[in-house]
N, C-alpha and C. Protein backbone atom coordinates (compact mmCIF):
# COMPACT_ATOMS: atom_id res chain seq x y z
N MET A 1 13.60 5.77 23.85
CA MET A 1 12.41 5.02 23.49
C MET A 1 11.62 5.75 22.39
N VAL A 2 11.57 7.07 22.49
CA VAL A 2 10.84 7.84 21.48
C VAL A 2 11.54 7.75 20.14
N PHE A 3 12.87 7.74 20.16
CA PHE A 3 13.63 7.61 18.92
C PHE A 3 13.32 6.28 18.22
N ILE A 4 13.27 5.22 18.98
CA ILE A 4 12.98 3.90 18.41
C ILE A 4 11.57 3.87 17.84
N GLN A 5 10.63 4.48 18.53
CA GLN A 5 9.26 4.52 18.04
C GLN A 5 9.18 5.30 16.73
N ASN A 6 9.86 6.42 16.65
CA ASN A 6 9.86 7.20 15.41
C ASN A 6 10.55 6.45 14.28
N LEU A 7 11.62 5.74 14.59
CA LEU A 7 12.32 4.95 13.59
C LEU A 7 11.44 3.83 13.04
N ILE A 8 10.74 3.14 13.93
CA ILE A 8 9.83 2.08 13.50
C ILE A 8 8.70 2.64 12.64
N GLN A 9 8.19 3.82 12.99
CA GLN A 9 7.13 4.44 12.21
C GLN A 9 7.63 4.81 10.81
N ILE A 10 8.82 5.33 10.71
CA ILE A 10 9.39 5.68 9.40
C ILE A 10 9.60 4.43 8.56
N ILE A 11 10.13 3.38 9.18
CA ILE A 11 10.33 2.12 8.45
C ILE A 11 9.00 1.56 7.97
N TYR A 12 7.97 1.66 8.81
CA TYR A 12 6.64 1.18 8.42
C TYR A 12 6.12 1.95 7.21
N TYR A 13 6.27 3.27 7.21
CA TYR A 13 5.79 4.08 6.09
C TYR A 13 6.55 3.77 4.81
N VAL A 14 7.85 3.54 4.92
CA VAL A 14 8.64 3.19 3.74
C VAL A 14 8.19 1.84 3.18
N MET A 15 8.00 0.88 4.06
CA MET A 15 7.54 -0.44 3.60
C MET A 15 6.15 -0.35 2.99
N ALA A 16 5.26 0.41 3.62
CA ALA A 16 3.90 0.57 3.09
C ALA A 16 3.94 1.25 1.72
N ALA A 17 4.80 2.22 1.56
CA ALA A 17 4.91 2.92 0.28
C ALA A 17 5.44 1.98 -0.80
N LEU A 18 6.44 1.18 -0.49
CA LEU A 18 6.99 0.25 -1.48
C LEU A 18 5.96 -0.78 -1.90
N ILE A 19 5.21 -1.31 -0.95
CA ILE A 19 4.17 -2.30 -1.29
C ILE A 19 3.05 -1.65 -2.10
N ALA A 20 2.65 -0.44 -1.72
CA ALA A 20 1.58 0.25 -2.46
C ALA A 20 2.03 0.57 -3.88
N ILE A 21 3.28 0.99 -4.05
CA ILE A 21 3.78 1.28 -5.40
C ILE A 21 3.83 0.01 -6.24
N SER A 22 4.30 -1.08 -5.64
CA SER A 22 4.37 -2.32 -6.42
C SER A 22 2.98 -2.83 -6.78
N LEU A 23 2.01 -2.69 -5.87
CA LEU A 23 0.64 -3.10 -6.19
C LEU A 23 0.05 -2.22 -7.28
N ALA A 24 0.27 -0.90 -7.19
CA ALA A 24 -0.27 0.00 -8.20
C ALA A 24 0.38 -0.25 -9.56
N LYS A 25 1.68 -0.51 -9.55
CA LYS A 25 2.38 -0.78 -10.81
C LYS A 25 1.87 -2.07 -11.45
N SER A 26 1.68 -3.10 -10.65
CA SER A 26 1.17 -4.36 -11.21
C SER A 26 -0.29 -4.24 -11.63
N LEU A 27 -1.02 -3.31 -11.03
CA LEU A 27 -2.41 -3.10 -11.43
C LEU A 27 -2.48 -2.58 -12.87
N PHE A 28 -1.59 -1.65 -13.22
CA PHE A 28 -1.65 -1.05 -14.54
C PHE A 28 -0.88 -1.84 -15.59
N LYS A 29 -0.02 -2.77 -15.18
CA LYS A 29 0.76 -3.53 -16.15
C LYS A 29 0.17 -4.91 -16.43
N ARG A 30 -1.00 -5.21 -15.91
CA ARG A 30 -1.58 -6.54 -16.09
C ARG A 30 -1.92 -6.80 -17.55
N LYS A 31 -1.63 -7.99 -18.00
CA LYS A 31 -2.02 -8.41 -19.34
C LYS A 31 -3.19 -9.39 -19.28
N LYS A 32 -3.25 -10.19 -18.22
CA LYS A 32 -4.35 -11.14 -18.07
C LYS A 32 -5.10 -10.82 -16.78
N ASN A 33 -6.21 -11.44 -16.57
CA ASN A 33 -7.08 -11.20 -15.41
C ASN A 33 -7.46 -9.72 -15.31
N GLY A 34 -7.96 -9.18 -16.38
CA GLY A 34 -8.26 -7.75 -16.43
C GLY A 34 -9.69 -7.39 -16.09
N ASN A 35 -10.41 -8.23 -15.39
CA ASN A 35 -11.80 -7.89 -15.09
C ASN A 35 -11.91 -7.09 -13.79
N TRP A 36 -13.10 -6.67 -13.46
CA TRP A 36 -13.31 -5.75 -12.35
C TRP A 36 -13.12 -6.41 -10.99
N VAL A 37 -13.19 -7.71 -10.88
CA VAL A 37 -12.96 -8.39 -9.61
C VAL A 37 -11.52 -8.17 -9.15
N TYR A 38 -10.59 -8.24 -10.07
CA TYR A 38 -9.19 -8.01 -9.72
C TYR A 38 -8.94 -6.55 -9.39
N ASP A 39 -9.67 -5.63 -10.02
CA ASP A 39 -9.56 -4.22 -9.67
C ASP A 39 -10.01 -3.99 -8.24
N ILE A 40 -11.08 -4.64 -7.83
CA ILE A 40 -11.56 -4.52 -6.45
C ILE A 40 -10.54 -5.10 -5.48
N MET A 41 -9.94 -6.21 -5.84
CA MET A 41 -8.94 -6.83 -4.97
C MET A 41 -7.73 -5.91 -4.79
N TYR A 42 -7.25 -5.32 -5.88
CA TYR A 42 -6.12 -4.40 -5.77
C TYR A 42 -6.49 -3.17 -4.94
N ALA A 43 -7.68 -2.63 -5.14
CA ALA A 43 -8.12 -1.48 -4.35
C ALA A 43 -8.23 -1.84 -2.87
N TYR A 44 -8.73 -3.04 -2.59
CA TYR A 44 -8.86 -3.50 -1.20
C TYR A 44 -7.49 -3.64 -0.55
N CYS A 45 -6.47 -3.98 -1.32
CA CYS A 45 -5.12 -4.09 -0.78
C CYS A 45 -4.45 -2.73 -0.62
N LEU A 46 -4.78 -1.78 -1.48
CA LEU A 46 -4.14 -0.46 -1.42
C LEU A 46 -4.75 0.46 -0.37
N ILE A 47 -6.02 0.30 -0.06
CA ILE A 47 -6.70 1.21 0.85
C ILE A 47 -6.05 1.27 2.24
N PRO A 48 -5.68 0.16 2.89
CA PRO A 48 -5.05 0.28 4.21
C PRO A 48 -3.74 1.08 4.20
N PHE A 49 -2.95 0.94 3.14
CA PHE A 49 -1.71 1.70 3.06
C PHE A 49 -1.98 3.19 2.92
N VAL A 50 -2.95 3.54 2.11
CA VAL A 50 -3.29 4.95 1.93
C VAL A 50 -3.83 5.54 3.23
N LEU A 51 -4.66 4.80 3.93
CA LEU A 51 -5.21 5.29 5.19
C LEU A 51 -4.13 5.49 6.25
N ARG A 52 -3.16 4.59 6.31
CA ARG A 52 -2.08 4.74 7.29
C ARG A 52 -1.20 5.95 6.98
N VAL A 53 -0.93 6.17 5.71
CA VAL A 53 -0.11 7.33 5.34
C VAL A 53 -0.84 8.63 5.67
N LEU A 54 -2.15 8.63 5.53
CA LEU A 54 -2.95 9.82 5.86
C LEU A 54 -3.29 9.92 7.34
N HIS A 55 -2.79 8.99 8.14
CA HIS A 55 -3.03 8.93 9.60
C HIS A 55 -4.51 8.76 9.93
N ILE A 56 -5.22 8.00 9.13
CA ILE A 56 -6.61 7.67 9.38
C ILE A 56 -6.65 6.21 9.80
N LYS A 57 -7.20 5.94 10.97
CA LYS A 57 -7.21 4.55 11.46
C LYS A 57 -8.59 3.94 11.29
């Protein structure tokens, strides 16, 4: 049971990292919608992933 829990946690971190990287990459590659509202939206989406990786709930 502990092995499965650790496996699920590793899979979660990998998925969170992939989503965070794709969001960060699209944040810097934007050509349109470049105002600060979209920056706040991207930051709001990235913060939960960063907190989980740092083990802050």
